[in-house]
């Protein structure tokens, strides 16, 4: 993994100032959070990151699955 030096944030900064980390992720597409001088976590801007590009049908499927999971008891009751 190649890491853009502008996207590096310390765990201390992330802990104390999350909005700073979010701004770094918005600017660079991701923020790599270092712990003990090693990359530990990645915060990804989902709108600009190709790993999370979904088609409209995929987005609908995900939303439907979330709704079904959340309201399953109600749907089961209605199915009776």
PDB file of N, CA and C in Angstrom:
ATOM      1  N   UNK A   1       0.842  -1.185   0.000  1.00  0.00           N
ATOM      2  CA  UNK A   1       0.000   0.000   0.000  1.00  0.00           C
ATOM      3  C   UNK A   1       0.880   1.239   0.000  1.00  0.00           C
ATOM      4  N   UNK A   2       0.686   2.087  -0.971  1.00  0.00           N
ATOM      5  CA  UNK A   2       1.386   3.366  -1.009  1.00  0.00           C
ATOM      6  C   UNK A   2       0.588   4.384  -0.215  1.00  0.00           C
ATOM      7  N   UNK A   3       1.262   5.114   0.638  1.00  0.00           N
ATOM      8  CA  UNK A   3       0.595   6.081   1.498  1.00  0.00           C
ATOM      9  C   UNK A   3       1.048   7.487   1.131  1.00  0.00           C
ATOM     10  N   UNK A   4       0.092   8.334   0.814  1.00  0.00           N
ATOM     11  CA  UNK A   4       0.358   9.740   0.550  1.00  0.00           C
ATOM     12  C   UNK A   4       0.721  10.392   1.883  1.00  0.00           C
ATOM     13  N   UNK A   5       1.858  11.035   1.944  1.00  0.00           N
ATOM     14  CA  UNK A   5       2.298  11.631   3.211  1.00  0.00           C
ATOM     15  C   UNK A   5       1.348  12.717   3.706  1.00  0.00           C
ATOM     16  N   UNK A   6       0.565  13.314   2.809  1.00  0.00           N
ATOM     17  CA  UNK A   6      -0.399  14.331   3.220  1.00  0.00           C
ATOM     18  C   UNK A   6      -1.615  13.722   3.911  1.00  0.00           C
ATOM     19  N   UNK A   7      -1.785  12.395   3.807  1.00  0.00           N
ATOM     20  CA  UNK A   7      -2.955  11.754   4.398  1.00  0.00           C
ATOM     21  C   UNK A   7      -2.651  11.104   5.748  1.00  0.00           C
ATOM     22  N   UNK A   8      -1.433  11.281   6.253  1.00  0.00           N
ATOM     23  CA  UNK A   8      -1.047  10.664   7.520  1.00  0.00           C
ATOM     24  C   UNK A   8      -1.491  11.520   8.706  1.00  0.00           C
ATOM     25  N   UNK A   9      -2.110  10.865   9.676  1.00  0.00           N
ATOM     26  CA  UNK A   9      -2.561  11.521  10.902  1.00  0.00           C
ATOM     27  C   UNK A   9      -2.174  10.618  12.067  1.00  0.00           C
ATOM     28  N   UNK A  10      -1.773  11.198  13.170  1.00  0.00           N
ATOM     29  CA  UNK A  10      -1.428  10.387  14.337  1.00  0.00           C
ATOM     30  C   UNK A  10      -2.699   9.956  15.064  1.00  0.00           C
ATOM     31  N   UNK A  11      -2.605   8.874  15.809  1.00  0.00           N
ATOM     32  CA  UNK A  11      -3.733   8.388  16.587  1.00  0.00           C
ATOM     33  C   UNK A  11      -4.142   9.433  17.630  1.00  0.00           C
ATOM     34  N   UNK A  12      -3.179  10.178  18.141  1.00  0.00           N
ATOM     35  CA  UNK A  12      -3.476  11.224  19.114  1.00  0.00           C
ATOM     36  C   UNK A  12      -4.326  12.315  18.483  1.00  0.00           C
ATOM     37  N   UNK A  13      -3.946  12.755  17.266  1.00  0.00           N
ATOM     38  CA  UNK A  13      -4.741  13.761  16.562  1.00  0.00           C
ATOM     39  C   UNK A  13      -6.141  13.234  16.263  1.00  0.00           C
ATOM     40  N   UNK A  14      -6.221  11.978  15.853  1.00  0.00           N
ATOM     41  CA  UNK A  14      -7.518  11.384  15.540  1.00  0.00           C
ATOM     42  C   UNK A  14      -8.404  11.327  16.779  1.00  0.00           C
ATOM     43  N   UNK A  15      -7.805  11.021  17.891  1.00  0.00           N
ATOM     44  CA  UNK A  15      -8.539  10.917  19.144  1.00  0.00           C
ATOM     45  C   UNK A  15      -9.009  12.285  19.634  1.00  0.00           C
ATOM     46  N   UNK A  16      -8.170  13.286  19.483  1.00  0.00           N
ATOM     47  CA  UNK A  16      -8.481  14.613  20.021  1.00  0.00           C
ATOM     48  C   UNK A  16      -9.235  15.514  19.043  1.00  0.00           C
ATOM     49  N   UNK A  17      -9.095  15.256  17.742  1.00  0.00           N
ATOM     50  CA  UNK A  17      -9.673  16.159  16.752  1.00  0.00           C
ATOM     51  C   UNK A  17     -10.116  15.375  15.516  1.00  0.00           C
ATOM     52  N   UNK A  18     -11.240  14.667  15.665  1.00  0.00           N
ATOM     53  CA  UNK A  18     -11.704  13.821  14.560  1.00  0.00           C
ATOM     54  C   UNK A  18     -12.055  14.636  13.323  1.00  0.00           C
ATOM     55  N   UNK A  19     -12.548  15.851  13.516  1.00  0.00           N
ATOM     56  CA  UNK A  19     -12.911  16.663  12.353  1.00  0.00           C
ATOM     57  C   UNK A  19     -11.684  16.948  11.478  1.00  0.00           C
ATOM     58  N   UNK A  20     -10.506  17.040  12.085  1.00  0.00           N
ATOM     59  CA  UNK A  20      -9.268  17.224  11.318  1.00  0.00           C
ATOM     60  C   UNK A  20      -9.024  16.003  10.435  1.00  0.00           C
ATOM     61  N   UNK A  21      -9.231  14.822  10.992  1.00  0.00           N
ATOM     62  CA  UNK A  21      -9.031  13.585  10.234  1.00  0.00           C
ATOM     63  C   UNK A  21     -10.035  13.503   9.091  1.00  0.00           C
ATOM     64  N   UNK A  22     -11.286  13.887   9.361  1.00  0.00           N
ATOM     65  CA  UNK A  22     -12.315  13.869   8.328  1.00  0.00           C
ATOM     66  C   UNK A  22     -11.956  14.822   7.185  1.00  0.00           C
ATOM     67  N   UNK A  23     -11.422  15.992   7.518  1.00  0.00           N
ATOM     68  CA  UNK A  23     -11.016  16.950   6.488  1.00  0.00           C
ATOM     69  C   UNK A  23      -9.869  16.395   5.642  1.00  0.00           C
ATOM     70  N   UNK A  24      -8.933  15.716   6.280  1.00  0.00           N
ATOM     71  CA  UNK A  24      -7.825  15.087   5.543  1.00  0.00           C
ATOM     72  C   UNK A  24      -8.383  14.039   4.580  1.00  0.00           C
ATOM     73  N   UNK A  25      -9.348  13.237   5.055  1.00  0.00           N
ATOM     74  CA  UNK A  25      -9.951  12.202   4.212  1.00  0.00           C
ATOM     75  C   UNK A  25     -10.714  12.827   3.046  1.00  0.00           C
ATOM     76  N   UNK A  26     -11.402  13.932   3.293  1.00  0.00           N
ATOM     77  CA  UNK A  26     -12.117  14.610   2.209  1.00  0.00           C
ATOM     78  C   UNK A  26     -11.154  15.157   1.169  1.00  0.00           C
ATOM     79  N   UNK A  27     -10.055  15.708   1.635  1.00  0.00           N
ATOM     80  CA  UNK A  27      -9.083  16.311   0.719  1.00  0.00           C
ATOM     81  C   UNK A  27      -8.335  15.253  -0.092  1.00  0.00           C
ATOM     82  N   UNK A  28      -7.934  14.161   0.557  1.00  0.00           N
ATOM     83  CA  UNK A  28      -7.074  13.170  -0.089  1.00  0.00           C
ATOM     84  C   UNK A  28      -7.781  11.863  -0.460  1.00  0.00           C
ATOM     85  N   UNK A  29      -9.056  11.740  -0.112  1.00  0.00           N
ATOM     86  CA  UNK A  29      -9.777  10.500  -0.383  1.00  0.00           C
ATOM     87  C   UNK A  29      -9.675   9.504   0.746  1.00  0.00           C
ATOM     88  N   UNK A  30      -8.662   9.682   1.586  1.00  0.00           N
ATOM     89  CA  UNK A  30      -8.480   8.804   2.744  1.00  0.00           C
ATOM     90  C   UNK A  30      -7.543   9.467   3.734  1.00  0.00           C
ATOM     91  N   UNK A  31      -7.639   9.031   4.973  1.00  0.00           N
ATOM     92  CA  UNK A  31      -6.699   9.459   6.008  1.00  0.00           C
ATOM     93  C   UNK A  31      -6.146   8.194   6.643  1.00  0.00           C
ATOM     94  N   UNK A  32      -4.839   8.097   6.697  1.00  0.00           N
ATOM     95  CA  UNK A  32      -4.185   6.936   7.295  1.00  0.00           C
ATOM     96  C   UNK A  32      -3.767   7.321   8.704  1.00  0.00           C
ATOM     97  N   UNK A  33      -4.301   6.602   9.669  1.00  0.00           N
ATOM     98  CA  UNK A  33      -4.034   6.908  11.069  1.00  0.00           C
ATOM     99  C   UNK A  33      -2.913   6.002  11.567  1.00  0.00           C
ATOM    100  N   UNK A  34      -1.856   6.637  12.046  1.00  0.00           N
ATOM    101  CA  UNK A  34      -0.691   5.901  12.531  1.00  0.00           C
ATOM    102  C   UNK A  34      -0.763   5.720  14.042  1.00  0.00           C
ATOM    103  N   UNK A  35      -0.360   4.543  14.486  1.00  0.00           N
ATOM    104  CA  UNK A  35      -0.238   4.257  15.913  1.00  0.00           C
ATOM    105  C   UNK A  35       1.133   3.641  16.125  1.00  0.00           C
ATOM    106  N   UNK A  36       1.888   4.184  17.038  1.00  0.00           N
ATOM    107  CA  UNK A  36       3.267   3.736  17.287  1.00  0.00           C
ATOM    108  C   UNK A  36       4.104   3.752  16.015  1.00  0.00           C
ATOM    109  N   UNK A  37       3.958   4.832  15.248  1.00  0.00           N
ATOM    110  CA  UNK A  37       4.722   5.053  14.013  1.00  0.00           C
ATOM    111  C   UNK A  37       4.483   3.994  12.944  1.00  0.00           C
ATOM    112  N   UNK A  38       3.326   3.346  12.986  1.00  0.00           N
ATOM    113  CA  UNK A  38       2.950   2.354  11.969  1.00  0.00           C
ATOM    114  C   UNK A  38       1.523   2.622  11.526  1.00  0.00           C
ATOM    115  N   UNK A  39       1.227   2.418  10.225  1.00  0.00           N
ATOM    116  CA  UNK A  39      -0.160   2.599   9.784  1.00  0.00           C
ATOM    117  C   UNK A  39      -1.058   1.570  10.455  1.00  0.00           C
ATOM    118  N   UNK A  40      -2.142   2.054  11.064  1.00  0.00           N
ATOM    119  CA  UNK A  40      -3.023   1.162  11.821  1.00  0.00           C
ATOM    120  C   UNK A  40      -4.454   1.177  11.287  1.00  0.00           C
ATOM    121  N   UNK A  41      -4.975   2.367  10.945  1.00  0.00           N
ATOM    122  CA  UNK A  41      -6.355   2.507  10.497  1.00  0.00           C
ATOM    123  C   UNK A  41      -6.413   3.379   9.258  1.00  0.00           C
ATOM    124  N   UNK A  42      -7.497   3.207   8.490  1.00  0.00           N
ATOM    125  CA  UNK A  42      -7.726   4.059   7.325  1.00  0.00           C
ATOM    126  C   UNK A  42      -9.157   4.578   7.394  1.00  0.00           C
ATOM    127  N   UNK A  43      -9.317   5.887   7.296  1.00  0.00           N
ATOM    128  CA  UNK A  43     -10.628   6.506   7.183  1.00  0.00           C
ATOM    129  C   UNK A  43     -10.806   6.866   5.714  1.00  0.00           C
ATOM    130  N   UNK A  44     -11.869   6.354   5.110  1.00  0.00           N
ATOM    131  CA  UNK A  44     -12.068   6.511   3.669  1.00  0.00           C
ATOM    132  C   UNK A  44     -13.256   7.422   3.391  1.00  0.00           C
ATOM    133  N   UNK A  45     -13.071   8.348   2.476  1.00  0.00           N
ATOM    134  CA  UNK A  45     -14.167   9.167   1.971  1.00  0.00           C
ATOM    135  C   UNK A  45     -14.886   8.321   0.922  1.00  0.00           C
ATOM    136  N   UNK A  46     -16.051   7.827   1.273  1.00  0.00           N
ATOM    137  CA  UNK A  46     -16.747   6.863   0.420  1.00  0.00           C
ATOM    138  C   UNK A  46     -17.220   7.472  -0.891  1.00  0.00           C
ATOM    139  N   UNK A  47     -17.399   8.779  -0.944  1.00  0.00           N
ATOM    140  CA  UNK A  47     -17.851   9.412  -2.180  1.00  0.00           C
ATOM    141  C   UNK A  47     -16.747   9.483  -3.227  1.00  0.00           C
ATOM    142  N   UNK A  48     -15.512   9.553  -2.799  1.00  0.00           N
ATOM    143  CA  UNK A  48     -14.423   9.718  -3.759  1.00  0.00           C
ATOM    144  C   UNK A  48     -13.569   8.466  -3.918  1.00  0.00           C
ATOM    145  N   UNK A  49     -13.873   7.405  -3.174  1.00  0.00           N
ATOM    146  CA  UNK A  49     -13.043   6.214  -3.212  1.00  0.00           C
ATOM    147  C   UNK A  49     -13.635   5.156  -4.146  1.00  0.00           C
ATOM    148  N   UNK A  50     -12.868   4.692  -5.129  1.00  0.00           N
ATOM    149  CA  UNK A  50     -13.395   3.710  -6.084  1.00  0.00           C
ATOM    150  C   UNK A  50     -13.720   2.352  -5.465  1.00  0.00           C
ATOM    151  N   UNK A  51     -13.202   2.061  -4.271  1.00  0.00           N
ATOM    152  CA  UNK A  51     -13.509   0.787  -3.634  1.00  0.00           C
ATOM    153  C   UNK A  51     -14.995   0.662  -3.307  1.00  0.00           C
ATOM    154  N   UNK A  52     -15.667   1.797  -3.176  1.00  0.00           N
ATOM    155  CA  UNK A  52     -17.050   1.788  -2.745  1.00  0.00           C
ATOM    156  C   UNK A  52     -18.017   2.305  -3.797  1.00  0.00           C
ATOM    157  N   UNK A  53     -17.616   2.260  -5.056  1.00  0.00           N
ATOM    158  CA  UNK A  53     -18.526   2.681  -6.103  1.00  0.00           C
ATOM    159  C   UNK A  53     -19.558   1.576  -6.306  1.00  0.00           C
ATOM    160  N   UNK A  54     -20.808   1.927  -6.143  1.00  0.00           N
ATOM    161  CA  UNK A  54     -21.896   0.979  -6.297  1.00  0.00           C
ATOM    162  C   UNK A  54     -22.852   1.473  -7.372  1.00  0.00           C
ATOM    163  N   UNK A  55     -23.466   0.535  -8.074  1.00  0.00           N
ATOM    164  CA  UNK A  55     -24.499   0.920  -9.025  1.00  0.00           C
ATOM    165  C   UNK A  55     -25.753   1.292  -8.248  1.00  0.00           C
ATOM    166  N   UNK A  56     -26.684   1.934  -8.927  1.00  0.00           N
ATOM    167  CA  UNK A  56     -27.934   2.309  -8.265  1.00  0.00           C
ATOM    168  C   UNK A  56     -28.679   1.070  -7.771  1.00  0.00           C
ATOM    169  N   UNK A  57     -28.648  -0.009  -8.545  1.00  0.00           N
ATOM    170  CA  UNK A  57     -29.317  -1.248  -8.133  1.00  0.00           C
ATOM    171  C   UNK A  57     -28.685  -1.827  -6.868  1.00  0.00           C
ATOM    172  N   UNK A  58     -27.360  -1.760  -6.786  1.00  0.00           N
ATOM    173  CA  UNK A  58     -26.677  -2.252  -5.588  1.00  0.00           C
ATOM    174  C   UNK A  58     -27.032  -1.407  -4.359  1.00  0.00           C
ATOM    175  N   UNK A  59     -27.119  -0.102  -4.548  1.00  0.00           N
ATOM    176  CA  UNK A  59     -27.505   0.779  -3.442  1.00  0.00           C
ATOM    177  C   UNK A  59     -28.917   0.460  -2.962  1.00  0.00           C
ATOM    178  N   UNK A  60     -29.821   0.206  -3.899  1.00  0.00           N
ATOM    179  CA  UNK A  60     -31.198  -0.149  -3.546  1.00  0.00           C
ATOM    180  C   UNK A  60     -31.232  -1.471  -2.798  1.00  0.00           C
ATOM    181  N   UNK A  61     -30.452  -2.454  -3.265  1.00  0.00           N
ATOM    182  CA  UNK A  61     -30.398  -3.752  -2.589  1.00  0.00           C
ATOM    183  C   UNK A  61     -29.904  -3.613  -1.146  1.00  0.00           C
ATOM    184  N   UNK A  62     -28.897  -2.792  -0.951  1.00  0.00           N
ATOM    185  CA  UNK A  62     -28.353  -2.586   0.394  1.00  0.00           C
ATOM    186  C   UNK A  62     -29.393  -1.903   1.284  1.00  0.00           C
ATOM    187  N   UNK A  63     -30.034  -0.868   0.759  1.00  0.00           N
ATOM    188  CA  UNK A  63     -31.059  -0.165   1.546  1.00  0.00           C
ATOM    189  C   UNK A  63     -32.215  -1.101   1.877  1.00  0.00           C
ATOM    190  N   UNK A  64     -32.656  -1.905   0.919  1.00  0.00           N
ATOM    191  CA  UNK A  64     -33.762  -2.838   1.162  1.00  0.00           C
ATOM    192  C   UNK A  64     -33.393  -3.867   2.219  1.00  0.00           C
ATOM    193  N   UNK A  65     -32.172  -4.378   2.161  1.00  0.00           N
ATOM    194  CA  UNK A  65     -31.729  -5.362   3.150  1.00  0.00           C
ATOM    195  C   UNK A  65     -31.683  -4.748   4.550  1.00  0.00           C
ATOM    196  N   UNK A  66     -31.237  -3.517   4.654  1.00  0.00           N
ATOM    197  CA  UNK A  66     -31.204  -2.836   5.960  1.00  0.00           C
ATOM    198  C   UNK A  66     -32.617  -2.636   6.510  1.00  0.00           C
ATOM    199  N   UNK A  67     -33.525  -2.197   5.646  1.00  0.00           N
ATOM    200  CA  UNK A  67     -34.910  -1.980   6.075  1.00  0.00           C
ATOM    201  C   UNK A  67     -35.543  -3.291   6.502  1.00  0.00           C
ATOM    202  N   UNK A  68     -35.346  -4.327   5.699  1.00  0.00           N
ATOM    203  CA  UNK A  68     -35.918  -5.635   6.035  1.00  0.00           C
ATOM    204  C   UNK A  68     -35.369  -6.147   7.364  1.00  0.00           C
ATOM    205  N   UNK A  69     -34.087  -6.006   7.583  1.00  0.00           N
ATOM    206  CA  UNK A  69     -33.487  -6.462   8.829  1.00  0.00           C
ATOM    207  C   UNK A  69     -34.034  -5.676  10.026  1.00  0.00           C
ATOM    208  N   UNK A  70     -34.146  -4.377   9.864  1.00  0.00           N
ATOM    209  CA  UNK A  70     -34.588  -3.528  10.965  1.00  0.00           C
ATOM    210  C   UNK A  70     -36.057  -3.763  11.332  1.00  0.00           C
ATOM    211  N   UNK A  71     -36.894  -3.958  10.309  1.00  0.00           N
ATOM    212  CA  UNK A  71     -38.333  -4.064  10.537  1.00  0.00           C
ATOM    213  C   UNK A  71     -38.877  -5.470  10.297  1.00  0.00           C
ATOM    214  N   UNK A  72     -38.015  -6.474  10.387  1.00  0.00           N
ATOM    215  CA  UNK A  72     -38.419  -7.849  10.119  1.00  0.00           C
ATOM    216  C   UNK A  72     -39.630  -8.295  10.943  1.00  0.00           C
ATOM    217  N   UNK A  73     -39.658  -8.037  12.256  1.00  0.00           N
ATOM    218  CA  UNK A  73     -40.839  -8.469  13.023  1.00  0.00           C
ATOM    219  C   UNK A  73     -42.134  -7.863  12.495  1.00  0.00           C
ATOM    220  N   UNK A  74     -42.094  -6.612  12.091  1.00  0.00           N
ATOM    221  CA  UNK A  74     -43.290  -5.977  11.560  1.00  0.00           C
ATOM    222  C   UNK A  74     -43.712  -6.617  10.239  1.00  0.00           C
ATOM    223  N   UNK A  75     -42.733  -6.908   9.379  1.00  0.00           N
ATOM    224  CA  UNK A  75     -43.053  -7.575   8.115  1.00  0.00           C
ATOM    225  C   UNK A  75     -43.614  -8.967   8.340  1.00  0.00           C
ATOM    226  N   UNK A  76     -43.068  -9.686   9.311  1.00  0.00           N
ATOM    227  CA  UNK A  76     -43.578 -11.029   9.631  1.00  0.00           C
ATOM    228  C   UNK A  76     -45.009 -10.954  10.141  1.00  0.00           C
ATOM    229  N   UNK A  77     -45.286  -9.941  10.947  1.00  0.00           N
ATOM    230  CA  UNK A  77     -46.657  -9.771  11.457  1.00  0.00           C
ATOM    231  C   UNK A  77     -47.629  -9.439  10.319  1.00  0.00           C
ATOM    232  N   UNK A  78     -47.203  -8.603   9.412  1.00  0.00           N
ATOM    233  CA  UNK A  78     -48.052  -8.245   8.279  1.00  0.00           C
ATOM    234  C   UNK A  78     -48.281  -9.441   7.337  1.00  0.00           C
ATOM    235  N   UNK A  79     -47.322 -10.343   7.283  1.00  0.00           N
ATOM    236  CA  UNK A  79     -47.428 -11.507   6.399  1.00  0.00           C
ATOM    237  C   UNK A  79     -48.438 -12.537   6.888  1.00  0.00           C
ATOM    238  N   UNK A  80     -48.847 -12.437   8.153  1.00  0.00           N
ATOM    239  CA  UNK A  80     -49.807 -13.422   8.702  1.00  0.00           C
ATOM    240  C   UNK A  80     -51.183 -13.241   8.119  1.00  0.00           C
TER     241      UNK A  80
END
